[in-house]
Amino acid sequence: MGFFLIGKKIMQQQQLILDLFDNQMIKFGEFTFKSGKKAYNYIDLRTAISYPPIFKQICNCYYQMLQDLNYDHICGVPYSALVFASGVAYAHNIPMLLKRKEAKEYGTKKMLEGVYSAGQTCLIIEDLITTGASTLETTRVLEEHGLKVRDVCVLIDRNQGGRTRLEEHGYTVHSVMNLNQVVDVLYNAHKISLVDKERALTFIGE
């Protein structure tokens, strides 16, 4: 039974990768990120909100990771991961906190929205990890407000140092898949060429 469940989970992850590619959320070519890092592929999950079956599958992937973890709240890294954190929170009655990208210039001028107490634990939901910088910005704000952060759940680890950086800060990173797996699935399904695969893996190695 265990092998059946594992096999089913792998098949679901592979189908999710194919769906993301077919709907242009995974692209291949030369791209430069905000951090200055270069890559031969680009992943943008923000349009998943326009495809309910894909959105639900992504949220299910996150929820499966949460099963054995202890936390009082979840918080999505703005902006991309906010919708996934919201989907998980309201589908499974999990309290959520909202970390703003920038403080309001009026009213309460809060950076963190929601009801919480100092000493409670908040789990981070992130869509992708490249350098880990945006995740660390979120953990810093949560910790400044007295919350504890132990776990970071990410859909795709881009294998470009972000996981190591977060672990060096004391966080445990849980990922559904990494970029090597994404590339392998797409190549084996004849979605990308051998040249695309080799170029993507070369950038990962660098």
N, C-alpha and C. Protein backbone atom coordinates (compact mmCIF):
# COMPACT_ATOMS: atom_id res chain seq x y z
N MET A 1 0.83 -1.21 0.00
CA MET A 1 0.00 0.00 0.00
C MET A 1 0.86 1.26 0.00
N GLY A 2 1.97 1.21 0.80
CA GLY A 2 2.87 2.35 0.86
C GLY A 2 3.49 2.66 -0.49
N PHE A 3 3.91 1.60 -1.22
CA PHE A 3 4.50 1.82 -2.54
C PHE A 3 3.49 2.39 -3.51
N PHE A 4 2.23 1.95 -3.37
CA PHE A 4 1.17 2.47 -4.25
C PHE A 4 0.98 3.97 -4.03
N LEU A 5 0.95 4.38 -2.76
CA LEU A 5 0.75 5.79 -2.44
C LEU A 5 1.92 6.63 -2.92
N ILE A 6 3.14 6.11 -2.74
CA ILE A 6 4.33 6.84 -3.20
C ILE A 6 4.30 6.98 -4.72
N GLY A 7 3.95 5.87 -5.41
CA GLY A 7 3.88 5.92 -6.87
C GLY A 7 2.83 6.90 -7.36
N LYS A 8 1.69 6.91 -6.69
CA LYS A 8 0.62 7.83 -7.07
C LYS A 8 1.06 9.28 -6.87
N LYS A 9 1.76 9.53 -5.77
CA LYS A 9 2.25 10.89 -5.47
C LYS A 9 3.23 11.35 -6.53
N ILE A 10 4.13 10.46 -6.95
CA ILE A 10 5.12 10.80 -7.98
C ILE A 10 4.41 11.11 -9.30
N MET A 11 3.42 10.32 -9.64
CA MET A 11 2.68 10.55 -10.88
C MET A 11 1.95 11.89 -10.85
N GLN A 12 1.40 12.24 -9.70
CA GLN A 12 0.71 13.53 -9.56
C GLN A 12 1.70 14.68 -9.72
N GLN A 13 2.89 14.55 -9.14
CA GLN A 13 3.90 15.59 -9.27
C GLN A 13 4.36 15.73 -10.71
N GLN A 14 4.55 14.61 -11.39
CA GLN A 14 4.95 14.65 -12.79
C GLN A 14 3.88 15.32 -13.66
N GLN A 15 2.62 15.00 -13.39
CA GLN A 15 1.54 15.62 -14.15
C GLN A 15 1.47 17.11 -13.88
N LEU A 16 1.73 17.51 -12.63
CA LEU A 16 1.73 18.93 -12.30
C LEU A 16 2.82 19.66 -13.08
N ILE A 17 4.00 19.07 -13.18
CA ILE A 17 5.09 19.67 -13.95
C ILE A 17 4.68 19.85 -15.41
N LEU A 18 4.07 18.84 -15.99
CA LEU A 18 3.63 18.91 -17.38
C LEU A 18 2.55 19.98 -17.56
N ASP A 19 1.64 20.08 -16.60
CA ASP A 19 0.58 21.09 -16.68
C ASP A 19 1.16 22.50 -16.59
N LEU A 20 2.13 22.68 -15.70
CA LEU A 20 2.76 24.00 -15.57
C LEU A 20 3.47 24.38 -16.87
N PHE A 21 4.13 23.43 -17.47
CA PHE A 21 4.83 23.70 -18.73
C PHE A 21 3.84 24.00 -19.85
N ASP A 22 2.81 23.18 -19.98
CA ASP A 22 1.84 23.35 -21.06
C ASP A 22 1.09 24.68 -20.96
N ASN A 23 1.01 25.22 -19.75
CA ASN A 23 0.32 26.50 -19.56
C ASN A 23 1.31 27.65 -19.36
N GLN A 24 2.53 27.43 -19.84
CA GLN A 24 3.57 28.47 -19.92
C GLN A 24 3.98 29.05 -18.57
N MET A 25 3.84 28.27 -17.52
CA MET A 25 4.35 28.71 -16.22
C MET A 25 5.79 28.27 -16.01
N ILE A 26 6.26 27.36 -16.86
CA ILE A 26 7.67 26.98 -16.93
C ILE A 26 8.13 27.23 -18.35
N LYS A 27 9.17 28.06 -18.48
CA LYS A 27 9.67 28.42 -19.80
C LYS A 27 11.18 28.19 -19.88
N PHE A 28 11.68 27.98 -21.10
CA PHE A 28 13.10 27.77 -21.29
C PHE A 28 13.67 28.84 -22.22
N GLY A 29 14.87 29.29 -21.91
CA GLY A 29 15.54 30.38 -22.61
C GLY A 29 16.48 31.03 -21.61
N GLU A 30 17.15 32.10 -21.98
CA GLU A 30 18.07 32.76 -21.07
C GLU A 30 17.35 33.88 -20.32
N PHE A 31 17.41 33.82 -18.99
CA PHE A 31 16.73 34.79 -18.14
C PHE A 31 17.69 35.28 -17.05
N THR A 32 17.45 36.52 -16.59
CA THR A 32 18.21 37.08 -15.48
C THR A 32 17.24 37.43 -14.37
N PHE A 33 17.54 36.99 -13.14
CA PHE A 33 16.66 37.24 -12.01
C PHE A 33 16.99 38.56 -11.31
N LYS A 34 16.12 38.95 -10.40
CA LYS A 34 16.31 40.17 -9.63
C LYS A 34 17.63 40.16 -8.89
N SER A 35 18.05 38.98 -8.43
CA SER A 35 19.30 38.85 -7.68
C SER A 35 20.53 39.01 -8.56
N GLY A 36 20.34 38.98 -9.90
CA GLY A 36 21.46 39.03 -10.82
C GLY A 36 21.85 37.65 -11.33
N LYS A 37 21.34 36.61 -10.68
CA LYS A 37 21.63 35.25 -11.13
C LYS A 37 21.00 35.01 -12.50
N LYS A 38 21.68 34.21 -13.30
CA LYS A 38 21.18 33.88 -14.63
C LYS A 38 20.74 32.42 -14.65
N ALA A 39 19.80 32.11 -15.53
CA ALA A 39 19.30 30.74 -15.65
C ALA A 39 18.79 30.53 -17.06
N TYR A 40 18.67 29.26 -17.43
CA TYR A 40 18.16 28.93 -18.75
C TYR A 40 16.68 28.53 -18.70
N ASN A 41 16.04 28.84 -17.60
CA ASN A 41 14.60 28.61 -17.54
C ASN A 41 13.98 29.61 -16.58
N TYR A 42 12.69 29.78 -16.70
CA TYR A 42 11.96 30.74 -15.86
C TYR A 42 10.67 30.09 -15.40
N ILE A 43 10.37 30.22 -14.12
CA ILE A 43 9.15 29.64 -13.55
C ILE A 43 8.34 30.75 -12.92
N ASP A 44 7.11 30.92 -13.37
CA ASP A 44 6.22 31.95 -12.84
C ASP A 44 4.89 31.30 -12.53
N LEU A 45 4.62 31.09 -11.24
CA LEU A 45 3.41 30.37 -10.83
C LEU A 45 2.22 31.28 -10.58
N ARG A 46 2.39 32.59 -10.79
CA ARG A 46 1.30 33.51 -10.46
C ARG A 46 0.05 33.29 -11.28
N THR A 47 0.21 32.83 -12.52
CA THR A 47 -0.98 32.62 -13.36
C THR A 47 -1.73 31.33 -13.00
N ALA A 48 -1.24 30.58 -12.03
CA ALA A 48 -1.94 29.36 -11.60
C ALA A 48 -3.34 29.69 -11.09
N ILE A 49 -3.55 30.94 -10.63
CA ILE A 49 -4.88 31.33 -10.14
C ILE A 49 -5.92 31.30 -11.24
N SER A 50 -5.49 31.32 -12.49
CA SER A 50 -6.43 31.29 -13.62
C SER A 50 -6.77 29.86 -14.04
N TYR A 51 -6.16 28.88 -13.39
CA TYR A 51 -6.39 27.47 -13.72
C TYR A 51 -6.74 26.71 -12.43
N PRO A 52 -8.01 26.71 -12.03
CA PRO A 52 -8.41 26.10 -10.76
C PRO A 52 -7.88 24.68 -10.52
N PRO A 53 -7.90 23.77 -11.50
CA PRO A 53 -7.36 22.42 -11.22
C PRO A 53 -5.88 22.45 -10.84
N ILE A 54 -5.10 23.30 -11.52
CA ILE A 54 -3.67 23.41 -11.21
C ILE A 54 -3.48 24.06 -9.85
N PHE A 55 -4.26 25.11 -9.60
CA PHE A 55 -4.16 25.80 -8.31
C PHE A 55 -4.46 24.84 -7.17
N LYS A 56 -5.52 24.04 -7.31
CA LYS A 56 -5.88 23.09 -6.26
C LYS A 56 -4.79 22.05 -6.07
N GLN A 57 -4.19 21.59 -7.15
CA GLN A 57 -3.14 20.59 -7.04
C GLN A 57 -1.92 21.15 -6.30
N ILE A 58 -1.57 22.39 -6.59
CA ILE A 58 -0.45 23.03 -5.89
C ILE A 58 -0.76 23.15 -4.40
N CYS A 59 -1.96 23.59 -4.08
CA CYS A 59 -2.35 23.71 -2.67
C CYS A 59 -2.33 22.35 -1.97
N ASN A 60 -2.75 21.32 -2.68
CA ASN A 60 -2.73 19.97 -2.10
C ASN A 60 -1.30 19.52 -1.81
N CYS A 61 -0.38 19.89 -2.70
CA CYS A 61 1.04 19.54 -2.50
C CYS A 61 1.55 20.19 -1.21
N TYR A 62 1.20 21.45 -1.02
CA TYR A 62 1.62 22.13 0.22
C TYR A 62 1.01 21.44 1.44
N TYR A 63 -0.27 21.15 1.37
CA TYR A 63 -0.95 20.58 2.53
C TYR A 63 -0.36 19.23 2.92
N GLN A 64 0.04 18.44 1.94
CA GLN A 64 0.67 17.16 2.23
C GLN A 64 1.97 17.35 3.01
N MET A 65 2.71 18.42 2.71
CA MET A 65 3.95 18.69 3.44
C MET A 65 3.68 19.10 4.88
N LEU A 66 2.52 19.72 5.14
CA LEU A 66 2.22 20.23 6.47
C LEU A 66 1.82 19.14 7.47
N GLN A 67 1.51 17.96 6.97
CA GLN A 67 0.91 16.93 7.82
C GLN A 67 1.71 16.59 9.07
N ASP A 68 3.02 16.51 8.95
CA ASP A 68 3.85 16.07 10.08
C ASP A 68 4.59 17.22 10.75
N LEU A 69 4.20 18.45 10.47
CA LEU A 69 4.89 19.61 11.02
C LEU A 69 4.03 20.29 12.10
N ASN A 70 4.68 20.96 13.02
CA ASN A 70 3.97 21.65 14.10
C ASN A 70 4.04 23.16 13.89
N TYR A 71 2.90 23.82 13.95
CA TYR A 71 2.83 25.26 13.71
C TYR A 71 1.49 25.78 14.22
N ASP A 72 1.43 27.07 14.47
CA ASP A 72 0.19 27.72 14.88
C ASP A 72 -0.44 28.50 13.74
N HIS A 73 0.39 29.01 12.84
CA HIS A 73 -0.07 29.83 11.71
C HIS A 73 0.76 29.48 10.48
N ILE A 74 0.25 29.87 9.32
CA ILE A 74 1.07 29.82 8.11
C ILE A 74 1.11 31.24 7.52
N CYS A 75 2.17 31.51 6.77
CA CYS A 75 2.33 32.83 6.15
C CYS A 75 2.98 32.65 4.79
N GLY A 76 2.35 33.19 3.75
CA GLY A 76 2.90 33.12 2.40
C GLY A 76 3.84 34.28 2.14
N VAL A 77 4.95 34.00 1.46
CA VAL A 77 5.91 35.05 1.11
C VAL A 77 5.29 35.90 -0.01
N PRO A 78 5.20 37.23 0.19
CA PRO A 78 4.59 38.08 -0.85
C PRO A 78 5.50 38.19 -2.06
N TYR A 79 4.86 38.32 -3.25
CA TYR A 79 3.41 38.25 -3.43
C TYR A 79 2.94 36.87 -3.92
N SER A 80 3.80 36.20 -4.66
CA SER A 80 3.40 35.00 -5.38
C SER A 80 2.82 33.91 -4.50
N ALA A 81 3.40 33.70 -3.32
CA ALA A 81 2.97 32.59 -2.47
C ALA A 81 1.75 32.91 -1.63
N LEU A 82 1.32 34.17 -1.62
CA LEU A 82 0.18 34.56 -0.79
C LEU A 82 -1.09 33.79 -1.18
N VAL A 83 -1.32 33.64 -2.48
CA VAL A 83 -2.55 32.98 -2.91
C VAL A 83 -2.55 31.51 -2.53
N PHE A 84 -1.37 30.87 -2.57
CA PHE A 84 -1.31 29.45 -2.21
C PHE A 84 -1.50 29.27 -0.70
N ALA A 85 -0.89 30.16 0.09
CA ALA A 85 -1.09 30.10 1.53
C ALA A 85 -2.57 30.30 1.87
N SER A 86 -3.22 31.24 1.17
CA SER A 86 -4.65 31.49 1.39
C SER A 86 -5.48 30.26 1.03
N GLY A 87 -5.16 29.65 -0.10
CA GLY A 87 -5.90 28.46 -0.53
C GLY A 87 -5.80 27.34 0.48
N VAL A 88 -4.59 27.11 1.00
CA VAL A 88 -4.38 26.04 1.99
C VAL A 88 -5.09 26.39 3.30
N ALA A 89 -4.94 27.65 3.72
CA ALA A 89 -5.50 28.08 5.00
C ALA A 89 -7.02 27.91 5.04
N TYR A 90 -7.70 28.35 4.02
CA TYR A 90 -9.15 28.34 4.07
C TYR A 90 -9.75 27.00 3.68
N ALA A 91 -8.99 26.18 2.97
CA ALA A 91 -9.48 24.84 2.66
C ALA A 91 -9.38 23.92 3.88
N HIS A 92 -8.43 24.22 4.78
CA HIS A 92 -8.17 23.31 5.90
C HIS A 92 -8.26 24.00 7.27
N ASN A 93 -8.88 25.17 7.30
CA ASN A 93 -9.12 25.88 8.57
C ASN A 93 -7.83 26.13 9.37
N ILE A 94 -6.82 26.63 8.69
CA ILE A 94 -5.53 26.93 9.32
C ILE A 94 -5.40 28.44 9.47
N PRO A 95 -5.11 28.96 10.65
CA PRO A 95 -4.93 30.40 10.82
C PRO A 95 -3.77 30.91 9.95
N MET A 96 -3.99 32.03 9.32
CA MET A 96 -2.99 32.59 8.42
C MET A 96 -2.60 34.00 8.85
N LEU A 97 -1.35 34.35 8.62
CA LEU A 97 -0.87 35.70 8.82
C LEU A 97 -0.44 36.27 7.48
N LEU A 98 -0.54 37.58 7.32
CA LEU A 98 -0.18 38.23 6.07
C LEU A 98 0.95 39.22 6.32
N LYS A 99 2.10 38.93 5.72
CA LYS A 99 3.24 39.84 5.82
C LYS A 99 3.21 40.76 4.61
N ARG A 100 3.18 42.06 4.87
CA ARG A 100 3.12 43.02 3.77
C ARG A 100 4.48 43.16 3.09
N LYS A 101 4.44 43.53 1.82
CA LYS A 101 5.67 43.80 1.09
C LYS A 101 6.32 45.07 1.62
N GLU A 102 5.47 46.02 1.97
CA GLU A 102 5.95 47.26 2.58
C GLU A 102 4.89 47.73 3.58
N ALA A 103 5.31 48.50 4.58
CA ALA A 103 4.38 48.96 5.60
C ALA A 103 3.41 49.98 5.02
N LYS A 104 2.16 49.96 5.53
CA LYS A 104 1.20 50.98 5.12
C LYS A 104 1.69 52.35 5.59
N GLU A 105 1.42 53.37 4.79
CA GLU A 105 1.82 54.73 5.16
C GLU A 105 0.69 55.47 5.89
N TYR A 106 -0.36 54.74 6.25
CA TYR A 106 -1.51 55.34 6.92
C TYR A 106 -2.07 54.32 7.90
N GLY A 107 -3.04 54.75 8.70
CA GLY A 107 -3.68 53.83 9.65
C GLY A 107 -2.70 53.25 10.65
N THR A 108 -2.73 51.92 10.80
CA THR A 108 -1.87 51.27 11.80
C THR A 108 -0.42 51.12 11.35
N LYS A 109 -0.18 51.28 10.05
CA LYS A 109 1.17 51.15 9.47
C LYS A 109 1.80 49.78 9.77
N LYS A 110 0.97 48.76 9.80
CA LYS A 110 1.44 47.42 10.13
C LYS A 110 2.23 46.78 8.98
N MET A 111 3.22 45.95 9.36
CA MET A 111 3.91 45.10 8.40
C MET A 111 3.35 43.68 8.43
N LEU A 112 2.67 43.35 9.54
CA LEU A 112 2.14 42.00 9.70
C LEU A 112 0.67 42.07 10.11
N GLU A 113 -0.17 41.41 9.33
CA GLU A 113 -1.62 41.41 9.60
C GLU A 113 -2.05 40.05 10.12
N GLY A 114 -3.02 40.06 11.04
CA GLY A 114 -3.55 38.82 11.58
C GLY A 114 -3.54 38.84 13.10
N VAL A 115 -4.09 37.79 13.69
CA VAL A 115 -4.16 37.68 15.14
C VAL A 115 -3.17 36.61 15.59
N TYR A 116 -2.25 36.97 16.47
CA TYR A 116 -1.20 36.06 16.91
C TYR A 116 -0.70 36.50 18.27
N SER A 117 0.08 35.63 18.92
CA SER A 117 0.70 35.94 20.20
C SER A 117 2.19 35.66 20.11
N ALA A 118 2.98 36.44 20.79
CA ALA A 118 4.42 36.21 20.82
C ALA A 118 4.70 34.81 21.35
N GLY A 119 5.64 34.13 20.71
CA GLY A 119 5.99 32.77 21.11
C GLY A 119 5.32 31.70 20.28
N GLN A 120 4.28 32.08 19.51
CA GLN A 120 3.65 31.10 18.63
C GLN A 120 4.54 30.83 17.42
N THR A 121 4.27 29.71 16.75
CA THR A 121 5.09 29.28 15.62
C THR A 121 4.38 29.53 14.30
N CYS A 122 5.11 30.08 13.34
CA CYS A 122 4.55 30.34 12.01
C CYS A 122 5.36 29.59 10.95
N LEU A 123 4.66 28.88 10.11
CA LEU A 123 5.27 28.13 9.02
C LEU A 123 5.21 28.97 7.75
N ILE A 124 6.29 28.95 6.98
CA ILE A 124 6.39 29.76 5.77
C ILE A 124 5.99 28.96 4.54
N ILE A 125 5.16 29.55 3.69
CA ILE A 125 4.81 28.99 2.38
C ILE A 125 5.50 29.84 1.33
N GLU A 126 6.32 29.20 0.49
CA GLU A 126 7.04 29.88 -0.58
C GLU A 126 6.82 29.13 -1.89
N ASP A 127 6.72 29.86 -3.00
CA ASP A 127 6.49 29.16 -4.27
C ASP A 127 7.80 28.60 -4.83
N LEU A 128 8.84 29.44 -4.89
CA LEU A 128 10.15 29.03 -5.41
C LEU A 128 11.24 29.50 -4.48
N ILE A 129 12.34 28.78 -4.45
CA ILE A 129 13.53 29.26 -3.74
C ILE A 129 14.68 29.32 -4.73
N THR A 130 15.26 30.51 -4.86
CA THR A 130 16.47 30.67 -5.68
C THR A 130 17.63 31.00 -4.74
N THR A 131 17.69 32.23 -4.25
CA THR A 131 18.73 32.60 -3.29
C THR A 131 18.23 32.53 -1.84
N GLY A 132 16.91 32.53 -1.67
CA GLY A 132 16.33 32.52 -0.33
C GLY A 132 16.15 33.91 0.26
N ALA A 133 16.50 34.95 -0.47
CA ALA A 133 16.47 36.31 0.06
C ALA A 133 15.06 36.75 0.45
N SER A 134 14.08 36.53 -0.43
CA SER A 134 12.71 36.98 -0.13
C SER A 134 12.13 36.21 1.06
N THR A 135 12.51 34.95 1.18
CA THR A 135 12.04 34.16 2.32
C THR A 135 12.61 34.71 3.61
N LEU A 136 13.89 35.07 3.59
CA LEU A 136 14.53 35.60 4.79
C LEU A 136 13.93 36.95 5.19
N GLU A 137 13.49 37.74 4.22
CA GLU A 137 12.83 39.01 4.53
C GLU A 137 11.55 38.75 5.33
N THR A 138 10.82 37.71 4.94
CA THR A 138 9.59 37.37 5.63
C THR A 138 9.85 36.81 7.02
N THR A 139 10.82 35.91 7.15
CA THR A 139 11.12 35.34 8.46
C THR A 139 11.60 36.43 9.43
N ARG A 140 12.32 37.41 8.90
CA ARG A 140 12.82 38.49 9.76
C ARG A 140 11.67 39.27 10.37
N VAL A 141 10.68 39.63 9.54
CA VAL A 141 9.53 40.39 10.04
C VAL A 141 8.75 39.57 11.06
N LEU A 142 8.53 38.30 10.79
CA LEU A 142 7.79 37.45 11.72
C LEU A 142 8.51 37.36 13.06
N GLU A 143 9.81 37.19 13.01
CA GLU A 143 10.58 37.06 14.25
C GLU A 143 10.65 38.38 15.01
N GLU A 144 10.67 39.48 14.28
CA GLU A 144 10.65 40.79 14.93
C GLU A 144 9.34 41.01 15.69
N HIS A 145 8.29 40.31 15.28
CA HIS A 145 6.98 40.40 15.94
C HIS A 145 6.81 39.32 17.00
N GLY A 146 7.88 38.63 17.34
CA GLY A 146 7.85 37.66 18.44
C GLY A 146 7.44 36.25 18.06
N LEU A 147 7.31 35.97 16.76
CA LEU A 147 6.93 34.65 16.31
C LEU A 147 8.16 33.77 16.06
N LYS A 148 7.98 32.47 16.20
CA LYS A 148 9.05 31.52 15.91
C LYS A 148 8.84 30.95 14.52
N VAL A 149 9.92 30.79 13.78
CA VAL A 149 9.86 30.18 12.45
C VAL A 149 10.82 29.00 12.42
N ARG A 150 10.30 27.84 12.09
CA ARG A 150 11.15 26.65 12.02
C ARG A 150 11.16 26.04 10.62
N ASP A 151 10.00 26.05 9.95
CA ASP A 151 9.87 25.32 8.69
C ASP A 151 9.47 26.23 7.53
N VAL A 152 10.05 25.92 6.38
CA VAL A 152 9.72 26.60 5.12
C VAL A 152 9.28 25.55 4.12
N CYS A 153 8.06 25.66 3.59
CA CYS A 153 7.54 24.72 2.60
C CYS A 153 7.51 25.40 1.23
N VAL A 154 8.20 24.81 0.28
CA VAL A 154 8.34 25.42 -1.04
C VAL A 154 7.92 24.42 -2.11
N LEU A 155 7.31 24.91 -3.17
CA LEU A 155 6.91 24.01 -4.25
C LEU A 155 8.13 23.56 -5.06
N ILE A 156 8.94 24.52 -5.52
CA ILE A 156 10.10 24.17 -6.36
C ILE A 156 11.37 24.81 -5.83
N ASP A 157 12.35 23.99 -5.52
CA ASP A 157 13.69 24.45 -5.14
C ASP A 157 14.51 24.54 -6.42
N ARG A 158 15.01 25.74 -6.73
CA ARG A 158 15.73 25.93 -7.98
C ARG A 158 17.18 25.44 -7.91
N ASN A 159 17.58 24.88 -6.79
CA ASN A 159 18.94 24.32 -6.63
C ASN A 159 20.03 25.35 -6.89
N GLN A 160 19.80 26.58 -6.46
CA GLN A 160 20.81 27.62 -6.69
C GLN A 160 21.25 28.28 -5.38
N GLY A 161 21.29 27.48 -4.32
CA GLY A 161 21.86 27.96 -3.07
C GLY A 161 20.88 28.42 -2.02
N GLY A 162 19.63 28.60 -2.38
CA GLY A 162 18.64 29.10 -1.42
C GLY A 162 18.41 28.18 -0.25
N ARG A 163 18.31 26.88 -0.50
CA ARG A 163 18.07 25.92 0.57
C ARG A 163 19.20 25.97 1.59
N THR A 164 20.44 25.96 1.10
CA THR A 164 21.60 25.99 2.00
C THR A 164 21.61 27.27 2.83
N ARG A 165 21.30 28.39 2.20
CA ARG A 165 21.29 29.67 2.90
C ARG A 165 20.26 29.68 4.02
N LEU A 166 19.06 29.15 3.74
CA LEU A 166 18.01 29.11 4.76
C LEU A 166 18.37 28.16 5.89
N GLU A 167 18.97 27.03 5.55
CA GLU A 167 19.37 26.07 6.57
C GLU A 167 20.47 26.64 7.46
N GLU A 168 21.33 27.47 6.87
CA GLU A 168 22.38 28.11 7.67
C GLU A 168 21.79 29.08 8.69
N HIS A 169 20.59 29.58 8.40
CA HIS A 169 19.90 30.46 9.35
C HIS A 169 19.04 29.67 10.34
N GLY A 170 19.08 28.36 10.26
CA GLY A 170 18.38 27.53 11.23
C GLY A 170 17.00 27.05 10.81
N TYR A 171 16.60 27.26 9.55
CA TYR A 171 15.28 26.84 9.10
C TYR A 171 15.37 25.49 8.37
N THR A 172 14.33 24.70 8.50
CA THR A 172 14.24 23.43 7.78
C THR A 172 13.40 23.64 6.52
N VAL A 173 13.95 23.29 5.38
CA VAL A 173 13.28 23.50 4.10
C VAL A 173 12.66 22.19 3.61
N HIS A 174 11.38 22.25 3.27
CA HIS A 174 10.66 21.10 2.71
C HIS A 174 10.22 21.49 1.31
N SER A 175 10.56 20.70 0.31
CA SER A 175 10.18 21.05 -1.06
C SER A 175 9.45 19.88 -1.72
N VAL A 176 8.50 20.22 -2.59
CA VAL A 176 7.78 19.20 -3.34
C VAL A 176 8.68 18.62 -4.41
N MET A 177 9.45 19.49 -5.05
CA MET A 177 10.34 19.06 -6.14
C MET A 177 11.47 20.06 -6.29
N ASN A 178 12.51 19.66 -7.03
CA ASN A 178 13.58 20.60 -7.35
C ASN A 178 13.70 20.74 -8.85
N LEU A 179 14.55 21.68 -9.27
CA LEU A 179 14.63 22.01 -10.69
C LEU A 179 15.19 20.85 -11.51
N ASN A 180 16.09 20.08 -10.94
CA ASN A 180 16.61 18.92 -11.67
C ASN A 180 15.48 17.95 -12.02
N GLN A 181 14.57 17.73 -11.07
CA GLN A 181 13.45 16.83 -11.32
C GLN A 181 12.52 17.40 -12.38
N VAL A 182 12.29 18.71 -12.34
CA VAL A 182 11.44 19.37 -13.34
C VAL A 182 12.01 19.17 -14.74
N VAL A 183 13.31 19.40 -14.87
CA VAL A 183 13.97 19.27 -16.17
C VAL A 183 13.90 17.83 -16.65
N ASP A 184 14.15 16.87 -15.78
CA ASP A 184 14.13 15.46 -16.16
C ASP A 184 12.74 15.03 -16.64
N VAL A 185 11.70 15.45 -15.92
CA VAL A 185 10.33 15.08 -16.31
C VAL A 185 9.98 15.65 -17.68
N LEU A 186 10.34 16.90 -17.91
CA LEU A 186 10.01 17.53 -19.19
C LEU A 186 10.81 16.92 -20.34
N TYR A 187 12.05 16.56 -20.08
CA TYR A 187 12.85 15.94 -21.13
C TYR A 187 12.32 14.54 -21.45
N ASN A 188 12.03 13.76 -20.42
CA ASN A 188 11.53 12.39 -20.64
C ASN A 188 10.17 12.38 -21.31
N ALA A 189 9.42 13.47 -21.16
CA ALA A 189 8.10 13.58 -21.80
C ALA A 189 8.20 14.23 -23.18
N HIS A 190 9.44 14.47 -23.63
CA HIS A 190 9.71 15.08 -24.95
C HIS A 190 9.14 16.49 -25.08
N LYS A 191 9.11 17.20 -23.95
CA LYS A 191 8.64 18.58 -23.97
C LYS A 191 9.78 19.56 -24.26
N ILE A 192 10.99 19.17 -23.90
CA ILE A 192 12.17 20.01 -24.17
C ILE A 192 13.23 19.15 -24.84
N SER A 193 14.16 19.81 -25.51
CA SER A 193 15.22 19.10 -26.22
C SER A 193 16.37 18.77 -25.29
N LEU A 194 17.29 17.96 -25.77
CA LEU A 194 18.49 17.64 -25.01
C LEU A 194 19.32 18.89 -24.78
N VAL A 195 19.33 19.79 -25.75
CA VAL A 195 20.06 21.06 -25.60
C VAL A 195 19.47 21.88 -24.47
N ASP A 196 18.14 21.97 -24.43
CA ASP A 196 17.47 22.70 -23.34
C ASP A 196 17.84 22.09 -21.99
N LYS A 197 17.80 20.77 -21.91
CA LYS A 197 18.11 20.09 -20.66
C LYS A 197 19.53 20.38 -20.22
N GLU A 198 20.47 20.25 -21.13
CA GLU A 198 21.87 20.43 -20.77
C GLU A 198 22.17 21.87 -20.39
N ARG A 199 21.57 22.83 -21.08
CA ARG A 199 21.79 24.24 -20.74
C ARG A 199 21.20 24.57 -19.38
N ALA A 200 20.01 24.05 -19.10
CA ALA A 200 19.37 24.31 -17.81
C ALA A 200 20.21 23.73 -16.68
N LEU A 201 20.70 22.50 -16.85
CA LEU A 201 21.50 21.87 -15.81
C LEU A 201 22.85 22.54 -15.64
N THR A 202 23.38 23.09 -16.72
CA THR A 202 24.66 23.82 -16.63
C THR A 202 24.50 25.04 -15.75
N PHE A 203 23.42 25.79 -15.93
CA PHE A 203 23.17 26.98 -15.09
C PHE A 203 22.95 26.58 -13.63
N ILE A 204 22.30 25.44 -13.40
CA ILE A 204 22.11 24.96 -12.03
C ILE A 204 23.47 24.70 -11.39
N GLY A 205 24.34 24.05 -12.16
CA GLY A 205 25.68 23.72 -11.65
C GLY A 205 26.50 24.95 -11.33
N GLU A 206 26.29 26.02 -12.08
CA GLU A 206 27.04 27.25 -11.85
C GLU A 206 26.54 28.00 -10.62
